[in-house]
């Protein structure tokens, strides 16, 4: 039986997303527990609001850091003699 490259690529993509969701769930649990050390559970809407703000700030910092890293990698790769060439 022949496996077409399209199917293989799709399966790799689905497996990557599945593991990403599992990792996100684990990080969510860790962050929730870490914040619970400072915010007592059952404090109501304000505790949830503060939690959402903290998570949003962390997400923004991480995404911006990854974007800067990607820009630096693109600049570095473009300067290499065997790097990506503009067409």
C-alpha atoms as a PDB file:
ATOM      1  CA  UNK A   1       0.000   0.000   0.000  1.00  0.00           C
ATOM      2  CA  UNK A   2       1.363   3.376  -1.017  1.00  0.00           C
ATOM      3  CA  UNK A   3       1.168   6.316   1.386  1.00  0.00           C
ATOM      4  CA  UNK A   4       0.813   9.603  -0.424  1.00  0.00           C
ATOM      5  CA  UNK A   5       2.973  12.498   0.809  1.00  0.00           C
ATOM      6  CA  UNK A   6      -0.159  14.593   1.371  1.00  0.00           C
ATOM      7  CA  UNK A   7      -1.545  12.080   3.850  1.00  0.00           C
ATOM      8  CA  UNK A   8       1.782  11.768   5.642  1.00  0.00           C
ATOM      9  CA  UNK A   9       2.041  15.561   5.927  1.00  0.00           C
ATOM     10  CA  UNK A  10      -1.500  15.754   7.260  1.00  0.00           C
ATOM     11  CA  UNK A  11      -0.823  13.068   9.870  1.00  0.00           C
ATOM     12  CA  UNK A  12       2.367  14.819  10.999  1.00  0.00           C
ATOM     13  CA  UNK A  13       0.437  18.087  11.281  1.00  0.00           C
ATOM     14  CA  UNK A  14      -2.363  16.476  13.290  1.00  0.00           C
ATOM     15  CA  UNK A  15       0.087  14.753  15.639  1.00  0.00           C
ATOM     16  CA  UNK A  16       1.938  18.041  16.154  1.00  0.00           C
ATOM     17  CA  UNK A  17      -1.286  19.856  17.025  1.00  0.00           C
ATOM     18  CA  UNK A  18      -2.360  17.051  19.374  1.00  0.00           C
ATOM     19  CA  UNK A  19       0.911  17.152  21.301  1.00  0.00           C
ATOM     20  CA  UNK A  20       0.738  20.948  21.341  1.00  0.00           C
ATOM     21  CA  UNK A  21      -2.692  20.802  22.972  1.00  0.00           C
ATOM     22  CA  UNK A  22      -1.445  18.321  25.559  1.00  0.00           C
ATOM     23  CA  UNK A  23       1.518  20.581  26.351  1.00  0.00           C
ATOM     24  CA  UNK A  24      -0.775  23.628  26.552  1.00  0.00           C
ATOM     25  CA  UNK A  25      -3.002  21.804  29.036  1.00  0.00           C
ATOM     26  CA  UNK A  26      -0.014  20.889  31.178  1.00  0.00           C
ATOM     27  CA  UNK A  27       1.266  24.483  31.150  1.00  0.00           C
ATOM     28  CA  UNK A  28      -2.219  25.776  31.961  1.00  0.00           C
ATOM     29  CA  UNK A  29      -2.376  23.515  35.015  1.00  0.00           C
ATOM     30  CA  UNK A  30       1.101  24.584  36.155  1.00  0.00           C
ATOM     31  CA  UNK A  31       0.383  28.297  35.707  1.00  0.00           C
ATOM     32  CA  UNK A  32      -2.996  27.967  37.436  1.00  0.00           C
ATOM     33  CA  UNK A  33      -1.380  26.239  40.418  1.00  0.00           C
ATOM     34  CA  UNK A  34       1.469  28.770  40.546  1.00  0.00           C
ATOM     35  CA  UNK A  35      -0.929  31.728  40.531  1.00  0.00           C
ATOM     36  CA  UNK A  36      -3.118  29.998  43.136  1.00  0.00           C
ATOM     37  CA  UNK A  37      -0.182  30.365  45.535  1.00  0.00           C
ATOM     38  CA  UNK A  38      -0.728  34.125  45.425  1.00  0.00           C
ATOM     39  CA  UNK A  39      -4.460  34.351  44.720  1.00  0.00           C
ATOM     40  CA  UNK A  40      -6.580  32.253  47.023  1.00  0.00           C
ATOM     41  CA  UNK A  41      -9.123  30.041  45.218  1.00  0.00           C
ATOM     42  CA  UNK A  42     -12.741  31.053  45.526  1.00  0.00           C
ATOM     43  CA  UNK A  43     -12.084  34.792  45.606  1.00  0.00           C
ATOM     44  CA  UNK A  44     -14.624  35.310  42.850  1.00  0.00           C
ATOM     45  CA  UNK A  45     -14.611  37.296  39.654  1.00  0.00           C
ATOM     46  CA  UNK A  46     -11.732  39.589  40.575  1.00  0.00           C
ATOM     47  CA  UNK A  47      -9.323  36.687  41.083  1.00  0.00           C
ATOM     48  CA  UNK A  48     -10.305  35.259  37.686  1.00  0.00           C
ATOM     49  CA  UNK A  49      -9.894  38.712  36.111  1.00  0.00           C
ATOM     50  CA  UNK A  50      -6.396  39.132  37.579  1.00  0.00           C
ATOM     51  CA  UNK A  51      -5.505  35.606  36.439  1.00  0.00           C
ATOM     52  CA  UNK A  52      -6.663  36.432  32.888  1.00  0.00           C
ATOM     53  CA  UNK A  53      -4.613  39.645  32.862  1.00  0.00           C
ATOM     54  CA  UNK A  54      -1.475  37.875  34.081  1.00  0.00           C
ATOM     55  CA  UNK A  55      -1.834  35.105  31.490  1.00  0.00           C
ATOM     56  CA  UNK A  56      -2.440  37.648  28.727  1.00  0.00           C
ATOM     57  CA  UNK A  57       0.711  39.581  29.661  1.00  0.00           C
ATOM     58  CA  UNK A  58       2.752  36.369  29.717  1.00  0.00           C
ATOM     59  CA  UNK A  59       1.353  35.357  26.319  1.00  0.00           C
ATOM     60  CA  UNK A  60       2.202  38.758  24.800  1.00  0.00           C
ATOM     61  CA  UNK A  61       5.767  38.638  26.118  1.00  0.00           C
ATOM     62  CA  UNK A  62       6.319  35.095  24.841  1.00  0.00           C
ATOM     63  CA  UNK A  63       4.861  35.814  21.380  1.00  0.00           C
ATOM     64  CA  UNK A  64       6.922  39.001  21.001  1.00  0.00           C
ATOM     65  CA  UNK A  65      10.074  37.166  22.080  1.00  0.00           C
ATOM     66  CA  UNK A  66       9.435  34.395  19.560  1.00  0.00           C
ATOM     67  CA  UNK A  67       8.805  36.954  16.801  1.00  0.00           C
ATOM     68  CA  UNK A  68      12.115  38.693  17.555  1.00  0.00           C
ATOM     69  CA  UNK A  69      13.879  35.327  17.565  1.00  0.00           C
ATOM     70  CA  UNK A  70      12.340  34.478  14.187  1.00  0.00           C
ATOM     71  CA  UNK A  71      13.476  37.838  12.757  1.00  0.00           C
ATOM     72  CA  UNK A  72      17.037  37.283  14.006  1.00  0.00           C
ATOM     73  CA  UNK A  73      17.054  33.768  12.559  1.00  0.00           C
ATOM     74  CA  UNK A  74      15.839  35.068   9.198  1.00  0.00           C
ATOM     75  CA  UNK A  75      18.559  37.741   9.136  1.00  0.00           C
ATOM     76  CA  UNK A  76      21.219  35.228  10.138  1.00  0.00           C
ATOM     77  CA  UNK A  77      20.103  32.633   7.591  1.00  0.00           C
ATOM     78  CA  UNK A  78      20.027  35.263   4.844  1.00  0.00           C
ATOM     79  CA  UNK A  79      23.668  36.208   5.543  1.00  0.00           C
ATOM     80  CA  UNK A  80      24.967  32.648   5.277  1.00  0.00           C
ATOM     81  CA  UNK A  81      26.483  31.675   1.916  1.00  0.00           C
ATOM     82  CA  UNK A  82      24.178  28.643   1.752  1.00  0.00           C
ATOM     83  CA  UNK A  83      21.158  30.465   3.192  1.00  0.00           C
ATOM     84  CA  UNK A  84      17.893  31.288   1.519  1.00  0.00           C
ATOM     85  CA  UNK A  85      18.319  33.316  -1.655  1.00  0.00           C
ATOM     86  CA  UNK A  86      15.859  35.928  -2.799  1.00  0.00           C
ATOM     87  CA  UNK A  87      14.225  35.040  -6.084  1.00  0.00           C
END
